[in-house]
Amino acid sequence: MTAPSVRVLAPCPGRVLAMADVPDPVFAEEMVGPGVAIEPDAGPTTVVSPIAGTVVKVLPHAFVVLGDGVGVLVHLGINTVRLRGEGFEVHATQGSEVAAGDPMVTWDPSTLPASADGQDVSPVVPVVLMDAQKGSVTSDAIGSAVAAGDVLFVTP
């Protein structure tokens, strides 16, 4: 039996990019999984859960929610792990149940440094469908501006 299709919502406002346009080869080549990314709007933003489910992992710069047989990773920026949590306020707790749109992490992408530990830092937010086939996610939202809660893609 196949899992039902799940609507994956934008976790933050911004402009939707194809995963291939993410400035990190691990995401761009879909090594983590297929999806899309968001170039976030500047200014303080509370990033929300893209699906309803269980928070299986939460770090200051990233979180994974598992629901309806799918896992979605939201990664706040590229190389932001090197900031060691600075600039991120976590609202979610690992193991908790969340609804789509529930607050997860607050940050301000416009305050990110250009680099950290010798690595370029980018505010781009990959939204990844975990354990899915490479190339299996398509989105009509690519190139468009979205608000938090707008549909990014529907799981295959």
Protein backbone atom coordinates (compact mmCIF):
# COMPACT_ATOMS: atom_id res chain seq x y z
CA MET A 1 0.00 0.00 0.00
CA THR A 2 1.38 3.42 -0.90
CA ALA A 3 1.37 6.36 1.46
CA PRO A 4 -1.19 9.06 0.73
CA SER A 5 0.04 12.22 -0.96
CA VAL A 6 1.06 14.87 1.52
CA ARG A 7 0.95 18.61 0.88
CA VAL A 8 4.30 20.07 1.95
CA LEU A 9 3.90 23.72 2.91
CA ALA A 10 6.39 26.57 2.78
CA PRO A 11 8.06 26.86 6.21
CA CYS A 12 8.92 30.54 5.64
CA PRO A 13 8.22 33.37 3.22
CA GLY A 14 10.53 33.91 0.27
CA ARG A 15 11.23 32.97 -3.34
CA VAL A 16 11.16 29.29 -4.31
CA LEU A 17 14.27 27.85 -5.96
CA ALA A 18 14.87 24.53 -7.67
CA MET A 19 16.99 22.20 -5.52
CA ALA A 20 19.65 22.30 -8.26
CA ASP A 21 20.08 26.04 -7.50
CA VAL A 22 21.03 25.51 -3.83
CA PRO A 23 24.64 26.69 -3.26
CA ASP A 24 25.68 23.36 -1.73
CA PRO A 25 26.36 20.20 -3.78
CA VAL A 26 24.93 17.82 -1.16
CA PHE A 27 21.52 19.50 -1.47
CA ALA A 28 21.80 20.54 -5.15
CA GLU A 29 22.53 16.96 -6.24
CA GLU A 30 19.68 15.64 -4.04
CA MET A 31 22.01 13.45 -1.98
CA VAL A 32 19.84 14.14 1.07
CA GLY A 33 16.64 13.84 -0.98
CA PRO A 34 14.56 15.72 -3.53
CA GLY A 35 12.65 18.90 -2.79
CA VAL A 36 12.85 22.63 -3.34
CA ALA A 37 14.49 25.51 -1.53
CA ILE A 38 13.42 28.97 -0.42
CA GLU A 39 15.47 32.13 -0.62
CA PRO A 40 13.99 33.61 2.57
CA ASP A 41 12.76 37.16 2.95
CA ALA A 42 15.07 39.35 5.04
CA GLY A 43 14.19 40.09 8.64
CA PRO A 44 13.21 38.10 11.73
CA THR A 45 11.15 35.07 10.73
CA THR A 46 9.52 32.23 12.61
CA VAL A 47 9.94 29.11 10.51
CA VAL A 48 6.95 26.76 10.75
CA SER A 49 6.43 23.03 10.28
CA PRO A 50 5.73 22.14 6.63
CA ILE A 51 3.62 19.10 7.58
CA ALA A 52 1.73 17.69 10.55
CA GLY A 53 3.55 14.96 12.42
CA THR A 54 6.19 14.12 14.99
CA VAL A 55 9.35 16.16 15.42
CA VAL A 56 12.00 13.45 15.04
CA LYS A 57 15.01 15.78 15.06
CA VAL A 58 15.45 19.40 16.05
CA LEU A 59 18.69 21.37 15.95
CA PRO A 60 18.99 25.16 16.02
CA HIS A 61 19.61 25.26 12.23
CA ALA A 62 17.47 22.31 11.04
CA PHE A 63 14.55 20.04 11.89
CA VAL A 64 12.82 16.92 10.60
CA VAL A 65 9.09 16.22 10.91
CA LEU A 66 7.71 12.75 10.17
CA GLY A 67 4.03 12.42 9.29
CA ASP A 68 1.78 10.27 7.07
CA GLY A 69 4.70 8.08 6.09
CA VAL A 70 6.93 10.94 4.90
CA GLY A 71 9.77 12.82 6.54
CA VAL A 72 10.54 16.43 5.68
CA LEU A 73 13.84 18.12 6.51
CA VAL A 74 13.94 21.91 6.75
CA HIS A 75 17.52 23.21 6.82
CA LEU A 76 17.85 26.89 7.74
CA GLY A 77 20.65 28.11 5.54
CA ILE A 78 23.78 26.50 4.17
CA ASN A 79 26.76 25.90 6.49
CA THR A 80 24.73 27.38 9.35
CA VAL A 81 25.70 24.39 11.53
CA ARG A 82 29.01 26.26 11.87
CA LEU A 83 27.22 29.06 13.77
CA ARG A 84 26.77 26.61 16.69
CA GLY A 85 23.18 27.68 17.33
CA GLU A 86 23.92 31.40 17.49
CA GLY A 87 21.06 33.43 16.04
CA PHE A 88 18.47 30.64 16.24
CA GLU A 89 15.65 30.35 18.80
CA VAL A 90 14.18 26.84 18.88
CA HIS A 91 10.46 26.53 19.75
CA ALA A 92 9.90 22.82 19.05
CA THR A 93 10.95 19.83 21.12
CA GLN A 94 12.10 16.49 19.79
CA GLY A 95 9.35 13.89 20.05
CA SER A 96 6.51 16.40 20.15
CA GLU A 97 3.52 16.36 17.80
CA VAL A 98 3.11 19.43 15.58
CA ALA A 99 0.48 20.66 13.15
CA ALA A 100 1.45 22.11 9.79
CA GLY A 101 2.15 25.78 10.47
CA ASP A 102 3.28 25.35 14.09
CA PRO A 103 6.30 27.51 15.06
CA MET A 104 9.61 25.61 14.98
CA VAL A 105 12.57 28.04 14.94
CA THR A 106 12.95 31.83 14.83
CA TRP A 107 15.92 33.39 13.04
CA ASP A 108 16.87 36.40 10.93
CA PRO A 109 18.49 35.29 7.67
CA SER A 110 19.64 38.87 6.97
CA THR A 111 21.98 38.73 9.98
CA LEU A 112 23.95 35.68 8.84
CA PRO A 113 27.68 36.18 8.36
CA ALA A 114 29.11 35.72 4.85
CA SER A 115 31.24 32.85 6.13
CA ALA A 116 31.91 30.74 9.21
CA ASP A 117 34.91 28.50 9.88
CA GLY A 118 36.15 29.25 6.36
CA GLN A 119 32.94 28.08 4.68
CA ASP A 120 30.51 30.28 2.75
CA VAL A 121 27.19 30.76 4.55
CA SER A 122 23.93 31.18 2.62
CA PRO A 123 20.41 31.91 3.93
CA VAL A 124 18.82 29.50 1.38
CA VAL A 125 16.41 27.06 3.09
CA PRO A 126 16.25 23.58 1.52
CA VAL A 127 12.96 21.73 2.11
CA VAL A 128 13.77 18.07 1.51
CA LEU A 129 11.55 15.02 1.16
CA MET A 130 13.58 12.40 3.01
CA ASP A 131 14.05 8.87 1.65
CA ALA A 132 12.42 9.76 -1.67
CA GLN A 133 13.70 8.97 -5.14
CA LYS A 134 16.00 11.56 -6.71
CA GLY A 135 14.04 13.76 -9.10
CA SER A 136 10.67 12.67 -7.71
CA VAL A 137 9.60 16.11 -6.45
CA THR A 138 8.21 18.70 -8.83
CA SER A 139 6.84 22.08 -7.89
CA ASP A 140 4.79 24.72 -9.70
CA ALA A 141 6.04 27.23 -7.11
CA ILE A 142 9.63 27.42 -8.42
CA GLY A 143 10.45 31.03 -9.27
CA SER A 144 7.47 32.34 -7.31
CA ALA A 145 7.21 34.19 -4.04
CA VAL A 146 5.49 32.22 -1.29
CA ALA A 147 4.17 32.98 2.16
CA ALA A 148 4.64 30.57 5.06
CA GLY A 149 1.87 27.97 4.69
CA ASP A 150 1.60 28.11 0.91
CA VAL A 151 1.85 24.71 -0.82
CA LEU A 152 5.42 24.04 -2.04
CA PHE A 153 4.84 20.57 -3.46
CA VAL A 154 2.76 17.43 -3.05
CA THR A 155 4.57 14.19 -2.30
CA PRO A 156 4.72 11.73 -5.19
